[in-house]
PDB file of N, CA and C in Angstrom:
ATOM      1  N   MET A   1      -3.532   7.161   8.816  1.00  0.00           N
ATOM      2  CA  MET A   1      -3.719   5.736   8.549  1.00  0.00           C
ATOM      3  C   MET A   1      -3.805   5.011   9.893  1.00  0.00           C
ATOM      4  N   ASN A   2      -4.751   4.093   9.993  1.00  0.00           N
ATOM      5  CA  ASN A   2      -4.939   3.436  11.287  1.00  0.00           C
ATOM      6  C   ASN A   2      -3.849   2.406  11.553  1.00  0.00           C
ATOM      7  N   GLY A   3      -3.815   1.865  12.755  1.00  0.00           N
ATOM      8  CA  GLY A   3      -2.774   0.928  13.177  1.00  0.00           C
ATOM      9  C   GLY A   3      -2.745  -0.350  12.381  1.00  0.00           C
ATOM     10  N   ILE A   4      -3.893  -0.765  11.856  1.00  0.00           N
ATOM     11  CA  ILE A   4      -3.947  -2.002  11.085  1.00  0.00           C
ATOM     12  C   ILE A   4      -3.204  -1.837   9.763  1.00  0.00           C
ATOM     13  N   LEU A   5      -3.303  -0.664   9.172  1.00  0.00           N
ATOM     14  CA  LEU A   5      -2.772  -0.460   7.828  1.00  0.00           C
ATOM     15  C   LEU A   5      -1.550   0.442   7.805  1.00  0.00           C
ATOM     16  N   ASN A   6      -0.777   0.463   8.870  1.00  0.00           N
ATOM     17  CA  ASN A   6       0.308   1.440   8.963  1.00  0.00           C
ATOM     18  C   ASN A   6       1.610   1.019   8.308  1.00  0.00           C
ATOM     19  N   GLY A   7       1.631  -0.090   7.581  1.00  0.00           N
ATOM     20  CA  GLY A   7       2.822  -0.481   6.855  1.00  0.00           C
ATOM     21  C   GLY A   7       3.840  -1.237   7.663  1.00  0.00           C
ATOM     22  N   GLU A   8       3.537  -1.600   8.886  1.00  0.00           N
ATOM     23  CA  GLU A   8       4.497  -2.340   9.695  1.00  0.00           C
ATOM     24  C   GLU A   8       4.552  -3.796   9.272  1.00  0.00           C
ATOM     25  N   ASN A   9       5.719  -4.374   9.360  1.00  0.00           N
ATOM     26  CA  ASN A   9       5.854  -5.822   9.231  1.00  0.00           C
ATOM     27  C   ASN A   9       5.600  -6.357  10.627  1.00  0.00           C
ATOM     28  N   ARG A  10       4.413  -6.795  10.866  1.00  0.00           N
ATOM     29  CA  ARG A  10       3.927  -7.116  12.202  1.00  0.00           C
ATOM     30  C   ARG A  10       4.797  -8.149  12.896  1.00  0.00           C
ATOM     31  N   GLY A  11       5.551  -7.695  13.877  1.00  0.00           N
ATOM     32  CA  GLY A  11       6.335  -8.594  14.699  1.00  0.00           C
ATOM     33  C   GLY A  11       7.581  -9.131  14.018  1.00  0.00           C
ATOM     34  N   LEU A  12       7.917  -8.656  12.845  1.00  0.00           N
ATOM     35  CA  LEU A  12       9.066  -9.157  12.107  1.00  0.00           C
ATOM     36  C   LEU A  12      10.068  -8.029  11.928  1.00  0.00           C
ATOM     37  N   SER A  13      11.345  -8.362  11.895  1.00  0.00           N
ATOM     38  CA  SER A  13      12.357  -7.325  11.759  1.00  0.00           C
ATOM     39  C   SER A  13      12.354  -6.740  10.349  1.00  0.00           C
ATOM     40  N   PRO A  14      12.602  -5.425  10.226  1.00  0.00           N
ATOM     41  CA  PRO A  14      12.611  -4.806   8.904  1.00  0.00           C
ATOM     42  C   PRO A  14      13.844  -5.229   8.113  1.00  0.00           C
ATOM     43  N   ASP A  15      13.747  -5.161   6.801  1.00  0.00           N
ATOM     44  CA  ASP A  15      14.846  -5.515   5.924  1.00  0.00           C
ATOM     45  C   ASP A  15      14.740  -4.650   4.676  1.00  0.00           C
ATOM     46  N   LEU A  16      15.835  -4.458   3.972  1.00  0.00           N
ATOM     47  CA  LEU A  16      15.817  -3.629   2.774  1.00  0.00           C
ATOM     48  C   LEU A  16      15.018  -4.261   1.641  1.00  0.00           C
ATOM     49  N   SER A  17      15.033  -5.555   1.511  1.00  0.00           N
ATOM     50  CA  SER A  17      14.299  -6.234   0.464  1.00  0.00           C
ATOM     51  C   SER A  17      12.936  -6.676   0.992  1.00  0.00           C
ATOM     52  N   PRO A  18      11.855  -6.327   0.287  1.00  0.00           N
ATOM     53  CA  PRO A  18      10.543  -6.731   0.782  1.00  0.00           C
ATOM     54  C   PRO A  18      10.344  -8.251   0.771  1.00  0.00           C
ATOM     55  N   PHE A  19      11.120  -8.964   0.000  1.00  0.00           N
ATOM     56  CA  PHE A  19      10.977 -10.416  -0.082  1.00  0.00           C
ATOM     57  C   PHE A  19      11.958 -11.167   0.817  1.00  0.00           C
ATOM     58  N   ALA A  20      12.838 -10.462   1.528  1.00  0.00           N
ATOM     59  CA  ALA A  20      13.900 -11.106   2.299  1.00  0.00           C
ATOM     60  C   ALA A  20      13.372 -12.001   3.409  1.00  0.00           C
ATOM     61  N   GLN A  21      12.213 -11.674   3.959  1.00  0.00           N
ATOM     62  CA  GLN A  21      11.668 -12.443   5.074  1.00  0.00           C
ATOM     63  C   GLN A  21      10.696 -13.519   4.612  1.00  0.00           C
ATOM     64  N   ALA A  22      10.609 -13.734   3.325  1.00  0.00           N
ATOM     65  CA  ALA A  22       9.649 -14.689   2.786  1.00  0.00           C
ATOM     66  C   ALA A  22      10.355 -15.942   2.277  1.00  0.00           C
ATOM     67  N   ARG A  23       9.677 -17.062   2.408  1.00  0.00           N
ATOM     68  CA  ARG A  23      10.187 -18.308   1.834  1.00  0.00           C
ATOM     69  C   ARG A  23       9.704 -18.393   0.390  1.00  0.00           C
ATOM     70  N   LEU A  24      10.392 -17.662  -0.480  1.00  0.00           N
ATOM     71  CA  LEU A  24      10.071 -17.647  -1.907  1.00  0.00           C
ATOM     72  C   LEU A  24      11.361 -17.837  -2.683  1.00  0.00           C
ATOM     73  N   ASP A  25      11.293 -18.617  -3.758  1.00  0.00           N
ATOM     74  CA  ASP A  25      12.488 -18.762  -4.587  1.00  0.00           C
ATOM     75  C   ASP A  25      12.498 -17.671  -5.662  1.00  0.00           C
ATOM     76  N   ALA A  26      13.561 -17.604  -6.431  1.00  0.00           N
ATOM     77  CA  ALA A  26      13.731 -16.545  -7.430  1.00  0.00           C
ATOM     78  C   ALA A  26      12.613 -16.558  -8.473  1.00  0.00           C
ATOM     79  N   GLU A  27      12.179 -17.739  -8.888  1.00  0.00           N
ATOM     80  CA  GLU A  27      11.091 -17.834  -9.869  1.00  0.00           C
ATOM     81  C   GLU A  27       9.785 -17.278  -9.296  1.00  0.00           C
ATOM     82  N   GLU A  28       9.492 -17.598  -8.040  1.00  0.00           N
ATOM     83  CA  GLU A  28       8.275 -17.108  -7.402  1.00  0.00           C
ATOM     84  C   GLU A  28       8.315 -15.590  -7.223  1.00  0.00           C
ATOM     85  N   ILE A  29       9.464 -15.060  -6.858  1.00  0.00           N
ATOM     86  CA  ILE A  29       9.614 -13.607  -6.697  1.00  0.00           C
ATOM     87  C   ILE A  29       9.421 -12.907  -8.031  1.00  0.00           C
ATOM     88  N   ALA A  30      10.050 -13.416  -9.081  1.00  0.00           N
ATOM     89  CA  ALA A  30       9.894 -12.813 -10.411  1.00  0.00           C
ATOM     90  C   ALA A  30       8.434 -12.862 -10.862  1.00  0.00           C
ATOM     91  N   ALA A  31       7.770 -13.973 -10.613  1.00  0.00           N
ATOM     92  CA  ALA A  31       6.364 -14.116 -10.995  1.00  0.00           C
ATOM     93  C   ALA A  31       5.489 -13.143 -10.209  1.00  0.00           C
ATOM     94  N   LEU A  32       5.776 -12.971  -8.929  1.00  0.00           N
ATOM     95  CA  LEU A  32       5.009 -12.019  -8.122  1.00  0.00           C
ATOM     96  C   LEU A  32       5.221 -10.586  -8.603  1.00  0.00           C
ATOM     97  N   LYS A  33       6.451 -10.232  -8.887  1.00  0.00           N
ATOM     98  CA  LYS A  33       6.721  -8.878  -9.373  1.00  0.00           C
ATOM     99  C   LYS A  33       5.943  -8.607 -10.661  1.00  0.00           C
ATOM    100  N   GLU A  34       5.922  -9.569 -11.555  1.00  0.00           N
ATOM    101  CA  GLU A  34       5.164  -9.423 -12.806  1.00  0.00           C
ATOM    102  C   GLU A  34       3.663  -9.340 -12.517  1.00  0.00           C
ATOM    103  N   ALA A  35       3.174 -10.203 -11.663  1.00  0.00           N
ATOM    104  CA  ALA A  35       1.747 -10.260 -11.360  1.00  0.00           C
ATOM    105  C   ALA A  35       1.239  -8.976 -10.703  1.00  0.00           C
ATOM    106  N   LEU A  36       2.095  -8.313  -9.947  1.00  0.00           N
ATOM    107  CA  LEU A  36       1.694  -7.141  -9.174  1.00  0.00           C
ATOM    108  C   LEU A  36       2.005  -5.820  -9.867  1.00  0.00           C
ATOM    109  N   ARG A  37       2.463  -5.856 -11.087  1.00  0.00           N
ATOM    110  CA  ARG A  37       3.006  -4.655 -11.734  1.00  0.00           C
ATOM    111  C   ARG A  37       2.030  -3.484 -11.839  1.00  0.00           C
ATOM    112  N   ASP A  38       0.733  -3.699 -11.979  1.00  0.00           N
ATOM    113  CA  ASP A  38      -0.227  -2.602 -12.127  1.00  0.00           C
ATOM    114  C   ASP A  38      -1.102  -2.393 -10.902  1.00  0.00           C
ATOM    115  N   VAL A  39      -0.779  -3.032  -9.817  1.00  0.00           N
ATOM    116  CA  VAL A  39      -1.621  -2.959  -8.628  1.00  0.00           C
ATOM    117  C   VAL A  39      -1.337  -1.671  -7.865  1.00  0.00           C
ATOM    118  N   ARG A  40      -2.407  -0.947  -7.552  1.00  0.00           N
ATOM    119  CA  ARG A  40      -2.304   0.236  -6.697  1.00  0.00           C
ATOM    120  C   ARG A  40      -2.654  -0.191  -5.277  1.00  0.00           C
ATOM    121  N   GLY A  41      -1.951   0.354  -4.316  1.00  0.00           N
ATOM    122  CA  GLY A  41      -2.251   0.047  -2.924  1.00  0.00           C
ATOM    123  C   GLY A  41      -1.140  -0.759  -2.277  1.00  0.00           C
ATOM    124  N   GLU A  42      -1.469  -1.341  -1.137  1.00  0.00           N
ATOM    125  CA  GLU A  42      -0.505  -2.126  -0.372  1.00  0.00           C
ATOM    126  C   GLU A  42      -0.666  -3.602  -0.690  1.00  0.00           C
ATOM    127  N   VAL A  43       0.469  -4.295  -0.810  1.00  0.00           N
ATOM    128  CA  VAL A  43       0.447  -5.742  -1.058  1.00  0.00           C
ATOM    129  C   VAL A  43       1.257  -6.413   0.038  1.00  0.00           C
ATOM    130  N   TRP A  44       0.652  -7.435   0.632  1.00  0.00           N
ATOM    131  CA  TRP A  44       1.244  -8.135   1.763  1.00  0.00           C
ATOM    132  C   TRP A  44       1.308  -9.625   1.483  1.00  0.00           C
ATOM    133  N   LEU A  45       2.355 -10.252   1.966  1.00  0.00           N
ATOM    134  CA  LEU A  45       2.465 -11.708   1.979  1.00  0.00           C
ATOM    135  C   LEU A  45       2.131 -12.142   3.396  1.00  0.00           C
ATOM    136  N   PHE A  46       1.328 -13.200   3.535  1.00  0.00           N
ATOM    137  CA  PHE A  46       1.004 -13.708   4.863  1.00  0.00           C
ATOM    138  C   PHE A  46       0.931 -15.226   4.799  1.00  0.00           C
ATOM    139  N   GLY A  47       0.676 -15.841   5.914  1.00  0.00           N
ATOM    140  CA  GLY A  47       0.566 -17.296   5.944  1.00  0.00           C
ATOM    141  C   GLY A  47       1.912 -17.974   6.124  1.00  0.00           C
ATOM    142  N   SER A  48       1.972 -19.232   5.713  1.00  0.00           N
ATOM    143  CA  SER A  48       3.149 -20.065   5.983  1.00  0.00           C
ATOM    144  C   SER A  48       4.423 -19.569   5.298  1.00  0.00           C
ATOM    145  N   ARG A  49       4.300 -18.818   4.216  1.00  0.00           N
ATOM    146  CA  ARG A  49       5.494 -18.373   3.488  1.00  0.00           C
ATOM    147  C   ARG A  49       6.294 -17.300   4.220  1.00  0.00           C
ATOM    148  N   ILE A  50       5.769 -16.750   5.315  1.00  0.00           N
ATOM    149  CA  ILE A  50       6.573 -15.800   6.098  1.00  0.00           C
ATOM    150  C   ILE A  50       7.140 -16.445   7.351  1.00  0.00           C
ATOM    151  N   ASP A  51       6.934 -17.750   7.495  1.00  0.00           N
ATOM    152  CA  ASP A  51       7.439 -18.486   8.655  1.00  0.00           C
ATOM    153  C   ASP A  51       8.590 -19.388   8.208  1.00  0.00           C
ATOM    154  N   PRO A  52       9.834 -19.025   8.541  1.00  0.00           N
ATOM    155  CA  PRO A  52      10.978 -19.805   8.077  1.00  0.00           C
ATOM    156  C   PRO A  52      11.039 -21.222   8.645  1.00  0.00           C
ATOM    157  N   SER A  53      10.299 -21.500   9.710  1.00  0.00           N
ATOM    158  CA  SER A  53      10.332 -22.838  10.301  1.00  0.00           C
ATOM    159  C   SER A  53       9.394 -23.816   9.594  1.00  0.00           C
ATOM    160  N   ARG A  54       8.570 -23.315   8.703  1.00  0.00           N
ATOM    161  CA  ARG A  54       7.614 -24.181   8.010  1.00  0.00           C
ATOM    162  C   ARG A  54       8.139 -24.542   6.627  1.00  0.00           C
ATOM    163  N   ARG A  55       7.512 -25.524   6.018  1.00  0.00           N
ATOM    164  CA  ARG A  55       7.907 -25.970   4.678  1.00  0.00           C
ATOM    165  C   ARG A  55       6.675 -26.002   3.795  1.00  0.00           C
ATOM    166  N   GLY A  56       6.900 -25.790   2.495  1.00  0.00           N
ATOM    167  CA  GLY A  56       5.803 -25.884   1.538  1.00  0.00           C
ATOM    168  C   GLY A  56       4.762 -24.807   1.753  1.00  0.00           C
ATOM    169  N   GLY A  57       3.565 -25.100   1.296  1.00  0.00           N
ATOM    170  CA  GLY A  57       2.454 -24.167   1.446  1.00  0.00           C
ATOM    171  C   GLY A  57       2.245 -23.313   0.221  1.00  0.00           C
ATOM    172  N   ASP A  58       1.000 -22.876   0.059  1.00  0.00           N
ATOM    173  CA  ASP A  58       0.699 -21.996  -1.057  1.00  0.00           C
ATOM    174  C   ASP A  58       1.179 -20.583  -0.729  1.00  0.00           C
ATOM    175  N   ILE A  59       1.069 -19.701  -1.677  1.00  0.00           N
ATOM    176  CA  ILE A  59       1.469 -18.310  -1.505  1.00  0.00           C
ATOM    177  C   ILE A  59       0.204 -17.512  -1.246  1.00  0.00           C
ATOM    178  N   ASP A  60       0.147 -16.854  -0.094  1.00  0.00           N
ATOM    179  CA  ASP A  60      -1.025 -16.075   0.301  1.00  0.00           C
ATOM    180  C   ASP A  60      -0.701 -14.594   0.179  1.00  0.00           C
ATOM    181  N   ILE A  61      -1.491 -13.898  -0.639  1.00  0.00           N
ATOM    182  CA  ILE A  61      -1.280 -12.483  -0.906  1.00  0.00           C
ATOM    183  C   ILE A  61      -2.521 -11.711  -0.451  1.00  0.00           C
ATOM    184  N   LEU A  62      -2.291 -10.610   0.233  1.00  0.00           N
ATOM    185  CA  LEU A  62      -3.357  -9.700   0.632  1.00  0.00           C
ATOM    186  C   LEU A  62      -3.107  -8.372  -0.066  1.00  0.00           C
ATOM    187  N   VAL A  63      -4.106  -7.883  -0.776  1.00  0.00           N
ATOM    188  CA  VAL A  63      -4.003  -6.605  -1.474  1.00  0.00           C
ATOM    189  C   VAL A  63      -5.022  -5.650  -0.864  1.00  0.00           C
ATOM    190  N   LEU A  64      -4.553  -4.503  -0.400  1.00  0.00           N
ATOM    191  CA  LEU A  64      -5.421  -3.458   0.125  1.00  0.00           C
ATOM    192  C   LEU A  64      -5.487  -2.351  -0.912  1.00  0.00           C
ATOM    193  N   THR A  65      -6.619  -2.254  -1.584  1.00  0.00           N
ATOM    194  CA  THR A  65      -6.760  -1.327  -2.702  1.00  0.00           C
ATOM    195  C   THR A  65      -8.222  -0.983  -2.911  1.00  0.00           C
ATOM    196  N   ASP A  66      -8.457   0.103  -3.632  1.00  0.00           N
ATOM    197  CA  ASP A  66      -9.827   0.439  -4.009  1.00  0.00           C
ATOM    198  C   ASP A  66     -10.163  -0.101  -5.404  1.00  0.00           C
ATOM    199  N   GLN A  67      -9.244  -0.836  -6.009  1.00  0.00           N
ATOM    200  CA  GLN A  67      -9.500  -1.453  -7.306  1.00  0.00           C
ATOM    201  C   GLN A  67     -10.536  -2.574  -7.136  1.00  0.00           C
ATOM    202  N   PRO A  68     -11.291  -2.899  -8.191  1.00  0.00           N
ATOM    203  CA  PRO A  68     -12.297  -3.961  -8.089  1.00  0.00           C
ATOM    204  C   PRO A  68     -11.685  -5.288  -7.640  1.00  0.00           C
ATOM    205  N   ALA A  69     -12.271  -5.888  -6.616  1.00  0.00           N
ATOM    206  CA  ALA A  69     -11.691  -7.064  -5.974  1.00  0.00           C
ATOM    207  C   ALA A  69     -11.562  -8.264  -6.907  1.00  0.00           C
ATOM    208  N   PHE A  70     -12.643  -8.647  -7.573  1.00  0.00           N
ATOM    209  CA  PHE A  70     -12.585  -9.857  -8.392  1.00  0.00           C
ATOM    210  C   PHE A  70     -11.588  -9.703  -9.530  1.00  0.00           C
ATOM    211  N   GLU A  71     -11.658  -8.593 -10.239  1.00  0.00           N
ATOM    212  CA  GLU A  71     -10.765  -8.376 -11.378  1.00  0.00           C
ATOM    213  C   GLU A  71      -9.304  -8.322 -10.936  1.00  0.00           C
ATOM    214  N   THR A  72      -9.049  -7.652  -9.823  1.00  0.00           N
ATOM    215  CA  THR A  72      -7.685  -7.542  -9.321  1.00  0.00           C
ATOM    216  C   THR A  72      -7.137  -8.912  -8.931  1.00  0.00           C
ATOM    217  N   SER A  73      -7.923  -9.668  -8.184  1.00  0.00           N
ATOM    218  CA  SER A  73      -7.510 -11.007  -7.766  1.00  0.00           C
ATOM    219  C   SER A  73      -7.265 -11.910  -8.967  1.00  0.00           C
ATOM    220  N   HIS A  74      -8.184 -11.885  -9.911  1.00  0.00           N
ATOM    221  CA  HIS A  74      -8.069 -12.733 -11.103  1.00  0.00           C
ATOM    222  C   HIS A  74      -6.831 -12.362 -11.928  1.00  0.00           C
ATOM    223  N   THR A  75      -6.599 -11.078 -12.115  1.00  0.00           N
ATOM    224  CA  THR A  75      -5.439 -10.628 -12.893  1.00  0.00           C
ATOM    225  C   THR A  75      -4.133 -11.052 -12.235  1.00  0.00           C
ATOM    226  N   ILE A  76      -4.030 -10.853 -10.923  1.00  0.00           N
ATOM    227  CA  ILE A  76      -2.808 -11.227 -10.208  1.00  0.00           C
ATOM    228  C   ILE A  76      -2.572 -12.726 -10.320  1.00  0.00           C
ATOM    229  N   ALA A  77      -3.585 -13.528 -10.044  1.00  0.00           N
ATOM    230  CA  ALA A  77      -3.437 -14.986 -10.077  1.00  0.00           C
ATOM    231  C   ALA A  77      -3.095 -15.480 -11.477  1.00  0.00           C
ATOM    232  N   THR A  78      -3.732 -14.930 -12.491  1.00  0.00           N
ATOM    233  CA  THR A  78      -3.477 -15.351 -13.877  1.00  0.00           C
ATOM    234  C   THR A  78      -2.059 -15.008 -14.306  1.00  0.00           C
ATOM    235  N   ARG A  79      -1.635 -13.785 -14.023  1.00  0.00           N
ATOM    236  CA  ARG A  79      -0.266 -13.380 -14.377  1.00  0.00           C
ATOM    237  C   ARG A  79       0.764 -14.226 -13.637  1.00  0.00           C
ATOM    238  N   PHE A  80       0.522 -14.452 -12.353  1.00  0.00           N
ATOM    239  CA  PHE A  80       1.453 -15.252 -11.567  1.00  0.00           C
ATOM    240  C   PHE A  80       1.566 -16.655 -12.147  1.00  0.00           C
ATOM    241  N   PHE A  81       0.433 -17.275 -12.396  1.00  0.00           N
ATOM    242  CA  PHE A  81       0.433 -18.666 -12.859  1.00  0.00           C
ATOM    243  C   PHE A  81       1.028 -18.802 -14.267  1.00  0.00           C
ATOM    244  N   SER A  82       1.017 -17.733 -15.047  1.00  0.00           N
ATOM    245  CA  SER A  82       1.628 -17.799 -16.387  1.00  0.00           C
ATOM    246  C   SER A  82       3.150 -17.914 -16.299  1.00  0.00           C
ATOM    247  N   ARG A  83       3.725 -17.542 -15.138  1.00  0.00           N
ATOM    248  CA  ARG A  83       5.179 -17.623 -14.957  1.00  0.00           C
ATOM    249  C   ARG A  83       5.610 -18.684 -13.961  1.00  0.00           C
ATOM    250  N   CYS A  84       4.676 -19.120 -13.111  1.00  0.00           N
ATOM    251  CA  CYS A  84       5.032 -20.035 -12.034  1.00  0.00           C
ATOM    252  C   CYS A  84       3.799 -20.869 -11.694  1.00  0.00           C
ATOM    253  N   GLU A  85       3.976 -22.174 -11.570  1.00  0.00           N
ATOM    254  CA  GLU A  85       2.829 -23.049 -11.343  1.00  0.00           C
ATOM    255  C   GLU A  85       2.563 -23.328  -9.862  1.00  0.00           C
ATOM    256  N   GLU A  86       3.114 -22.532  -8.982  1.00  0.00           N
ATOM    257  CA  GLU A  86       2.836 -22.659  -7.548  1.00  0.00           C
ATOM    258  C   GLU A  86       1.427 -22.134  -7.263  1.00  0.00           C
ATOM    259  N   LYS A  87       0.763 -22.714  -6.281  1.00  0.00           N
ATOM    260  CA  LYS A  87      -0.581 -22.268  -5.904  1.00  0.00           C
ATOM    261  C   LYS A  87      -0.493 -20.907  -5.222  1.00  0.00           C
ATOM    262  N   ILE A  88      -1.405 -20.006  -5.612  1.00  0.00           N
ATOM    263  CA  ILE A  88      -1.460 -18.672  -5.025  1.00  0.00           C
ATOM    264  C   ILE A  88      -2.902 -18.359  -4.654  1.00  0.00           C
ATOM    265  N   ASP A  89      -3.077 -17.771  -3.471  1.00  0.00           N
ATOM    266  CA  ASP A  89      -4.376 -17.274  -3.029  1.00  0.00           C
ATOM    267  C   ASP A  89      -4.260 -15.769  -2.898  1.00  0.00           C
ATOM    268  N   VAL A  90      -5.202 -15.055  -3.493  1.00  0.00           N
ATOM    269  CA  VAL A  90      -5.166 -13.596  -3.476  1.00  0.00           C
ATOM    270  C   VAL A  90      -6.452 -13.082  -2.834  1.00  0.00           C
ATOM    271  N   ILE A  91      -6.289 -12.329  -1.761  1.00  0.00           N
ATOM    272  CA  ILE A  91      -7.408 -11.675  -1.096  1.00  0.00           C
ATOM    273  C   ILE A  91      -7.282 -10.187  -1.372  1.00  0.00           C
ATOM    274  N   VAL A  92      -8.365  -9.591  -1.872  1.00  0.00           N
ATOM    275  CA  VAL A  92      -8.368  -8.164  -2.173  1.00  0.00           C
ATOM    276  C   VAL A  92      -9.432  -7.500  -1.299  1.00  0.00           C
ATOM    277  N   LEU A  93      -9.000  -6.509  -0.525  1.00  0.00           N
ATOM    278  CA  LEU A  93      -9.899  -5.771   0.357  1.00  0.00           C
ATOM    279  C   LEU A  93      -9.754  -4.275   0.111  1.00  0.00           C
ATOM    280  N   ASP A  94     -10.868  -3.574   0.168  1.00  0.00           N
ATOM    281  CA  ASP A  94     -10.858  -2.116   0.082  1.00  0.00           C
ATOM    282  C   ASP A  94     -10.687  -1.583   1.509  1.00  0.00           C
ATOM    283  N   PRO A  95      -9.571  -0.922   1.815  1.00  0.00           N
ATOM    284  CA  PRO A  95      -9.333  -0.470   3.189  1.00  0.00           C
ATOM    285  C   PRO A  95     -10.351   0.557   3.679  1.00  0.00           C
ATOM    286  N   ALA A  96     -11.053   1.218   2.772  1.00  0.00           N
ATOM    287  CA  ALA A  96     -12.064   2.201   3.158  1.00  0.00           C
ATOM    288  C   ALA A  96     -13.401   1.549   3.487  1.00  0.00           C
ATOM    289  N   ARG A  97     -13.520   0.253   3.195  1.00  0.00           N
ATOM    290  CA  ARG A  97     -14.805  -0.438   3.387  1.00  0.00           C
ATOM    291  C   ARG A  97     -14.633  -1.757   4.132  1.00  0.00           C
ATOM    292  N   LEU A  98     -13.880  -1.729   5.205  1.00  0.00           N
ATOM    293  CA  LEU A  98     -13.634  -2.952   5.963  1.00  0.00           C
ATOM    294  C   LEU A  98     -14.765  -3.210   6.960  1.00  0.00           C
ATOM    295  N   SER A  99     -15.311  -4.403   6.919  1.00  0.00           N
ATOM    296  CA  SER A  99     -16.285  -4.816   7.928  1.00  0.00           C
ATOM    297  C   SER A  99     -15.528  -5.109   9.223  1.00  0.00           C
ATOM    298  N   PRO A 100     -16.237  -5.213  10.341  1.00  0.00           N
ATOM    299  CA  PRO A 100     -15.556  -5.580  11.589  1.00  0.00           C
ATOM    300  C   PRO A 100     -14.813  -6.917  11.475  1.00  0.00           C
ATOM    301  N   ASP A 101     -15.389  -7.892  10.776  1.00  0.00           N
ATOM    302  CA  ASP A 101     -14.718  -9.185  10.603  1.00  0.00           C
ATOM    303  C   ASP A 101     -13.421  -9.049   9.812  1.00  0.00           C
ATOM    304  N   LYS A 102     -13.443  -8.252   8.765  1.00  0.00           N
ATOM    305  CA  LYS A 102     -12.238  -8.058   7.957  1.00  0.00           C
ATOM    306  C   LYS A 102     -11.177  -7.287   8.739  1.00  0.00           C
ATOM    307  N   SER A 103     -11.600  -6.304   9.523  1.00  0.00           N
ATOM    308  CA  SER A 103     -10.650  -5.566  10.369  1.00  0.00           C
ATOM    309  C   SER A 103     -10.018  -6.492  11.396  1.00  0.00           C
ATOM    310  N   ASP A 104     -10.820  -7.386  11.967  1.00  0.00           N
ATOM    311  CA  ASP A 104     -10.309  -8.356  12.930  1.00  0.00           C
ATOM    312  C   ASP A 104      -9.299  -9.295  12.267  1.00  0.00           C
ATOM    313  N   PHE A 105      -9.613  -9.752  11.058  1.00  0.00           N
ATOM    314  CA  PHE A 105      -8.696 -10.610  10.295  1.00  0.00           C
ATOM    315  C   PHE A 105      -7.353  -9.905  10.112  1.00  0.00           C
ATOM    316  N   LEU A 106      -7.386  -8.648   9.696  1.00  0.00           N
ATOM    317  CA  LEU A 106      -6.147  -7.895   9.476  1.00  0.00           C
ATOM    318  C   LEU A 106      -5.364  -7.697  10.768  1.00  0.00           C
ATOM    319  N   ALA A 107      -6.067  -7.534  11.863  1.00  0.00           N
ATOM    320  CA  ALA A 107      -5.394  -7.331  13.147  1.00  0.00           C
ATOM    321  C   ALA A 107      -4.728  -8.604  13.654  1.00  0.00           C
ATOM    322  N   ARG A 108      -5.230  -9.766  13.260  1.00  0.00           N
ATOM    323  CA  ARG A 108      -4.736 -11.042  13.794  1.00  0.00           C
ATOM    324  C   ARG A 108      -3.623 -11.675  12.977  1.00  0.00           C
ATOM    325  N   ILE A 109      -3.496 -11.365  11.704  1.00  0.00           N
ATOM    326  CA  ILE A 109      -2.517 -12.083  10.883  1.00  0.00           C
ATOM    327  C   ILE A 109      -1.151 -11.401  10.924  1.00  0.00           C
ATOM    328  N   ASP A 110      -0.112 -12.231  10.881  1.00  0.00           N
ATOM    329  CA  ASP A 110       1.233 -11.729  10.663  1.00  0.00           C
ATOM    330  C   ASP A 110       1.398 -11.567   9.167  1.00  0.00           C
ATOM    331  N   ARG A 111       2.037 -10.510   8.759  1.00  0.00           N
ATOM    332  CA  ARG A 111       2.197 -10.252   7.330  1.00  0.00           C
ATOM    333  C   ARG A 111       3.447  -9.429   7.085  1.00  0.00           C
ATOM    334  N   VAL A 112       3.935  -9.504   5.855  1.00  0.00           N
ATOM    335  CA  VAL A 112       5.110  -8.749   5.427  1.00  0.00           C
ATOM    336  C   VAL A 112       4.729  -7.991   4.166  1.00  0.00           C
ATOM    337  N   ARG A 113       4.935  -6.692   4.192  1.00  0.00           N
ATOM    338  CA  ARG A 113       4.603  -5.878   3.021  1.00  0.00           C
ATOM    339  C   ARG A 113       5.622  -6.134   1.924  1.00  0.00           C
ATOM    340  N   ILE A 114       5.128  -6.472   0.730  1.00  0.00           N
ATOM    341  CA  ILE A 114       6.022  -6.738  -0.395  1.00  0.00           C
ATOM    342  C   ILE A 114       5.877  -5.722  -1.514  1.00  0.00           C
ATOM    343  N   ALA A 115       4.861  -4.874  -1.467  1.00  0.00           N
ATOM    344  CA  ALA A 115       4.704  -3.813  -2.478  1.00  0.00           C
ATOM    345  C   ALA A 115       3.757  -2.757  -1.949  1.00  0.00           C
TER     346      ALA A 115
END
């Protein structure tokens, strides 16, 4: 597995709970767990919700999987919203088919693996 997809929490200290470093409340965590229940691959939280110094913001999820992107994104967002009305953005990428731009995006963002 290449350095981009090696499972590291980029620049963040490891913790036993995948959600410990995220600014998520119990309802949001429960909704995410439900939304992600059938997802194969790696799931990452990124954006403002991994920065404890920030407030608010939508929930940004990155899914690295070979599952169909649109269907996977739609299913996750629909399941999440059925339990929690917080805004969620879901990006689904196939790690075997990354363009140079997508690889650059993955190399630049801080993220925390949640599943």
